[in-house]
Protein backbone atom coordinates (compact mmCIF):
# COMPACT_ATOMS: atom_id res chain seq x y z
CA UNK A 1 -16.83 8.50 -12.63
CA UNK A 2 -15.81 11.74 -11.36
CA UNK A 3 -16.73 13.51 -8.45
CA UNK A 4 -18.81 16.76 -9.01
CA UNK A 5 -16.07 19.35 -9.13
CA UNK A 6 -18.38 22.22 -9.67
CA UNK A 7 -20.15 21.61 -6.11
CA UNK A 8 -17.13 21.29 -4.07
CA UNK A 9 -13.25 20.60 -3.80
CA UNK A 10 -11.87 17.28 -2.61
CA UNK A 11 -9.23 17.69 -0.26
CA UNK A 12 -6.45 15.47 -0.40
CA UNK A 13 -3.61 14.36 2.07
CA UNK A 14 -0.44 12.39 0.58
CA UNK A 15 1.24 9.78 2.74
CA UNK A 16 4.35 8.83 1.04
CA UNK A 17 7.88 8.77 2.48
CA UNK A 18 9.39 9.56 -1.08
CA UNK A 19 9.54 13.44 -1.60
CA UNK A 20 9.89 13.16 -4.92
CA UNK A 21 6.94 10.79 -5.52
CA UNK A 22 4.81 12.97 -3.03
CA UNK A 23 5.63 16.03 -4.53
CA UNK A 24 4.86 14.56 -8.20
CA UNK A 25 1.38 13.76 -7.02
CA UNK A 26 0.92 16.91 -5.55
CA UNK A 27 1.66 18.67 -8.75
CA UNK A 28 -0.71 16.37 -10.65
CA UNK A 29 -3.75 17.17 -8.01
CA UNK A 30 -3.07 20.78 -7.82
CA UNK A 31 -3.64 20.85 -11.54
CA UNK A 32 -7.31 19.86 -11.48
CA UNK A 33 -9.48 22.38 -10.55
CA UNK A 34 -11.78 19.83 -8.46
CA UNK A 35 -9.05 18.68 -6.22
CA UNK A 36 -6.58 20.07 -3.63
CA UNK A 37 -3.63 19.12 -1.34
CA UNK A 38 -4.28 20.09 2.19
CA UNK A 39 -0.85 18.19 3.73
CA UNK A 40 2.11 16.16 2.23
CA UNK A 41 3.54 13.28 4.95
CA UNK A 42 6.30 11.58 5.03
CA UNK A 43 5.09 8.99 7.84
CA UNK A 44 2.00 7.34 9.22
CA UNK A 45 3.28 8.83 12.49
CA UNK A 46 3.06 12.48 10.91
CA UNK A 47 -0.26 12.30 9.31
CA UNK A 48 -1.83 10.78 12.63
CA UNK A 49 -0.20 13.46 14.61
CA UNK A 50 -1.70 16.14 11.83
CA UNK A 51 -4.94 14.88 11.77
CA UNK A 52 -5.57 15.19 15.85
CA UNK A 53 -5.30 18.88 15.43
CA UNK A 54 -6.20 19.86 11.99
CA UNK A 55 -9.50 20.26 9.54
CA UNK A 56 -10.25 16.79 8.06
CA UNK A 57 -9.60 15.81 4.50
CA UNK A 58 -11.63 14.20 2.31
CA UNK A 59 -9.50 11.71 0.89
CA UNK A 60 -5.89 10.16 1.72
CA UNK A 61 -3.60 8.90 -1.18
CA UNK A 62 -1.47 6.07 0.83
CA UNK A 63 1.95 4.27 0.19
CA UNK A 64 2.39 1.29 1.49
CA UNK A 65 6.34 0.56 2.29
CA UNK A 66 7.16 3.36 4.67
CA UNK A 67 9.61 3.24 7.40
CA UNK A 68 7.95 3.07 10.89
CA UNK A 69 4.59 2.76 10.88
CA UNK A 70 3.82 1.04 7.35
CA UNK A 71 0.65 1.55 5.00
CA UNK A 72 -1.06 -1.25 5.91
CA UNK A 73 -0.88 -0.56 9.92
CA UNK A 74 -1.84 3.15 8.99
CA UNK A 75 -4.80 2.08 7.07
CA UNK A 76 -6.33 -0.11 9.88
CA UNK A 77 -6.16 2.74 12.22
CA UNK A 78 -7.84 4.90 9.77
CA UNK A 79 -10.68 2.95 9.10
CA UNK A 80 -11.21 2.39 12.94
CA UNK A 81 -10.66 6.34 13.97
CA UNK A 82 -11.60 7.74 10.72
CA UNK A 83 -14.32 5.61 9.27
CA UNK A 84 -15.31 8.61 6.79
CA UNK A 85 -12.11 9.39 5.30
CA UNK A 86 -11.60 7.92 1.65
CA UNK A 87 -8.56 5.99 1.29
CA UNK A 88 -6.71 5.09 -2.08
CA UNK A 89 -3.68 3.21 -1.56
CA UNK A 90 -0.97 4.03 -4.59
CA UNK A 91 1.79 1.43 -4.36
CA UNK A 92 4.53 0.10 -6.30
CA UNK A 93 3.89 -3.40 -4.80
CA UNK A 94 1.27 -3.93 -7.53
CA UNK A 95 0.03 -7.65 -6.63
CA UNK A 96 -3.26 -9.01 -6.77
CA UNK A 97 -3.02 -10.46 -3.56
CA UNK A 98 -1.62 -7.09 -1.80
CA UNK A 99 -4.45 -5.25 -3.34
CA UNK A 100 -7.21 -7.64 -2.45
CA UNK A 101 -5.94 -7.42 1.24
CA UNK A 102 -5.94 -3.89 1.31
CA UNK A 103 -9.32 -3.89 -0.12
CA UNK A 104 -10.45 -6.54 2.56
CA UNK A 105 -8.97 -4.11 5.14
CA UNK A 106 -10.99 -1.32 4.14
CA UNK A 107 -9.19 0.89 1.30
CA UNK A 108 -11.48 2.32 -1.28
CA UNK A 109 -9.27 1.85 -4.06
CA UNK A 110 -5.81 0.59 -5.17
CA UNK A 111 -3.51 1.88 -8.06
CA UNK A 112 -0.09 0.80 -8.83
CA UNK A 113 2.60 3.48 -8.95
CA UNK A 114 3.56 2.43 -12.47
CA UNK A 115 0.32 3.54 -13.90
CA UNK A 116 -0.62 7.00 -15.78
CA UNK A 117 -1.07 10.24 -14.49
CA UNK A 118 -4.76 10.09 -15.92
CA UNK A 119 -5.46 6.70 -14.06
CA UNK A 120 -4.25 8.28 -10.87
CA UNK A 121 -6.49 11.49 -10.99
CA UNK A 122 -9.30 9.26 -12.16
CA UNK A 123 -9.13 6.97 -9.28
CA UNK A 124 -8.84 9.80 -6.93
CA UNK A 125 -12.01 10.98 -8.36
CA UNK A 126 -13.59 7.77 -8.38
CA UNK A 127 -12.85 6.85 -4.95
CA UNK A 128 -13.92 10.83 -3.41
CA UNK A 129 -17.40 10.10 -5.55
CA UNK A 130 -17.97 7.07 -3.10
CA UNK A 131 -17.24 4.52 -5.52
CA UNK A 132 -14.78 1.44 -5.50
CA UNK A 133 -11.36 1.67 -7.61
CA UNK A 134 -9.13 -1.22 -8.67
CA UNK A 135 -5.90 -0.70 -11.05
CA UNK A 136 -7.42 -1.93 -14.06
CA UNK A 137 -4.17 -4.14 -14.87
CA UNK A 138 -5.00 -6.16 -11.70
CA UNK A 139 -9.00 -6.15 -11.51
CA UNK A 140 -9.50 -9.37 -13.02
CA UNK A 141 -6.70 -11.02 -10.87
CA UNK A 142 -7.94 -9.26 -7.75
CA UNK A 143 -11.66 -10.22 -8.21
CA UNK A 144 -10.38 -14.04 -8.74
CA UNK A 145 -8.47 -13.69 -5.40
CA UNK A 146 -11.14 -12.45 -3.53
CA UNK A 147 -13.30 -15.41 -4.97
CA UNK A 148 -11.07 -18.03 -4.42
CA UNK A 149 -9.26 -17.02 -1.40
CA UNK A 150 -11.63 -16.62 1.51
CA UNK A 151 -10.67 -14.67 4.11
CA UNK A 152 -10.03 -16.90 6.89
CA UNK A 153 -7.45 -18.52 4.30
CA UNK A 154 -3.69 -17.67 5.07
CA UNK A 155 -1.50 -16.37 1.98
CA UNK A 156 0.87 -13.65 0.96
CA UNK A 157 -2.16 -11.00 0.89
CA UNK A 158 -2.02 -11.64 5.15
CA UNK A 159 1.24 -10.09 5.25
CA UNK A 160 2.39 -7.17 6.41
CA UNK A 161 3.99 -4.53 3.95
CA UNK A 162 7.14 -4.94 5.50
CA UNK A 163 7.01 -8.70 5.86
CA UNK A 164 6.29 -8.76 2.58
CA UNK A 165 9.46 -7.16 1.77
CA UNK A 166 11.74 -8.79 4.04
CA UNK A 167 10.64 -11.92 2.38
CA UNK A 168 11.28 -10.79 -1.18
CA UNK A 169 14.86 -9.66 0.04
CA UNK A 170 15.34 -13.26 1.60
CA UNK A 171 14.24 -15.05 -1.54
CA UNK A 172 16.66 -12.67 -3.49
CA UNK A 173 19.42 -14.08 -1.15
CA UNK A 174 20.04 -11.26 1.34
CA UNK A 175 21.13 -11.86 4.77
CA UNK A 176 19.27 -10.50 7.77
CA UNK A 177 22.09 -8.07 8.32
CA UNK A 178 22.05 -6.60 4.85
CA UNK A 179 18.09 -6.34 4.76
CA UNK A 180 18.26 -4.11 7.79
CA UNK A 181 20.72 -2.12 6.14
CA UNK A 182 18.81 -1.49 3.38
CA UNK A 183 15.34 -0.72 4.98
CA UNK A 184 17.12 1.04 7.78
CA UNK A 185 15.86 -1.45 10.65
CA UNK A 186 17.88 -3.37 13.33
CA UNK A 187 18.67 -7.04 12.67
CA UNK A 188 16.51 -8.05 15.69
CA UNK A 189 13.49 -6.34 13.86
CA UNK A 190 14.21 -7.83 10.77
CA UNK A 191 14.50 -11.39 12.43
CA UNK A 192 10.96 -10.77 13.99
CA UNK A 193 9.40 -9.96 10.24
CA UNK A 194 11.03 -12.88 9.59
CA UNK A 195 9.60 -15.12 12.03
CA UNK A 196 6.32 -13.61 11.44
CA UNK A 197 6.06 -14.44 8.05
CA UNK A 198 7.44 -17.68 8.05
CA UNK A 199 4.71 -18.51 10.90
CA UNK A 200 1.87 -17.05 8.73
CA UNK A 201 2.87 -18.86 5.62
CA UNK A 202 3.65 -22.23 7.48
CA UNK A 203 7.29 -22.20 6.11
CA UNK A 204 9.88 -24.73 7.53
CA UNK A 205 12.70 -23.41 6.02
CA UNK A 206 14.45 -20.61 3.59
CA UNK A 207 14.32 -23.15 0.86
CA UNK A 208 10.28 -22.96 1.62
CA UNK A 209 10.32 -19.23 1.30
CA UNK A 210 12.29 -19.36 -1.84
CA UNK A 211 10.44 -21.86 -3.53
CA UNK A 212 7.20 -20.34 -2.93
CA UNK A 213 7.96 -16.75 -4.05
CA UNK A 214 9.57 -18.36 -7.42
CA UNK A 215 6.44 -20.32 -7.99
CA UNK A 216 4.28 -17.25 -7.02
CA UNK A 217 6.25 -14.76 -9.31
CA UNK A 218 7.30 -12.95 -6.55
CA UNK A 219 10.58 -12.69 -7.46
CA UNK A 220 12.92 -13.50 -10.21
CA UNK A 221 16.76 -14.72 -9.48
CA UNK A 222 19.37 -13.27 -11.66
CA UNK A 223 21.19 -15.27 -14.31
CA UNK A 224 24.67 -15.95 -12.76
């Protein structure tokens, strides 16, 4: 369902560290008479700083994987400090467990970045109208995950976006130093993420981690 575009314009802020993606979203939004882009932010820190001194937006389009404060951490802050802000997660991490975690933590919608422009605008209007939106390709799996995985049960959906990304890279055979270089982090920080995810998922070794990722289709090993 679309918001009533005749009565008011929905003011949107885009939080995504990839400039070309953010600008693409902005062009789509500005092409809709019922929507307006207030700001493009490249990080969670920039968005929070902007929010403290500006007119409040109606809706935030939020990426999950960003340097510094990731989208999952920002989501928690926003739900606590700005409960009226509508939040649509648009992410390349299009896994049902990730979507389910975001919805549990207060996101009002989740959409894969690989979807169409029409789906993107439909998701924005749906969330702006006070409804929930779940990517159609993930809907059934997200529903099953929420039903069969109680919130107290630990799963990959309980990992932060950065922990999830580190787990994937480890499963692909990358070293801590290589992962640090890829994400522009220190090796110590990557090691901390590794320790956290290993503890959360009760992995005893890298073999456990790789086996889990392969079993759940979270990574595919390249053929030699």
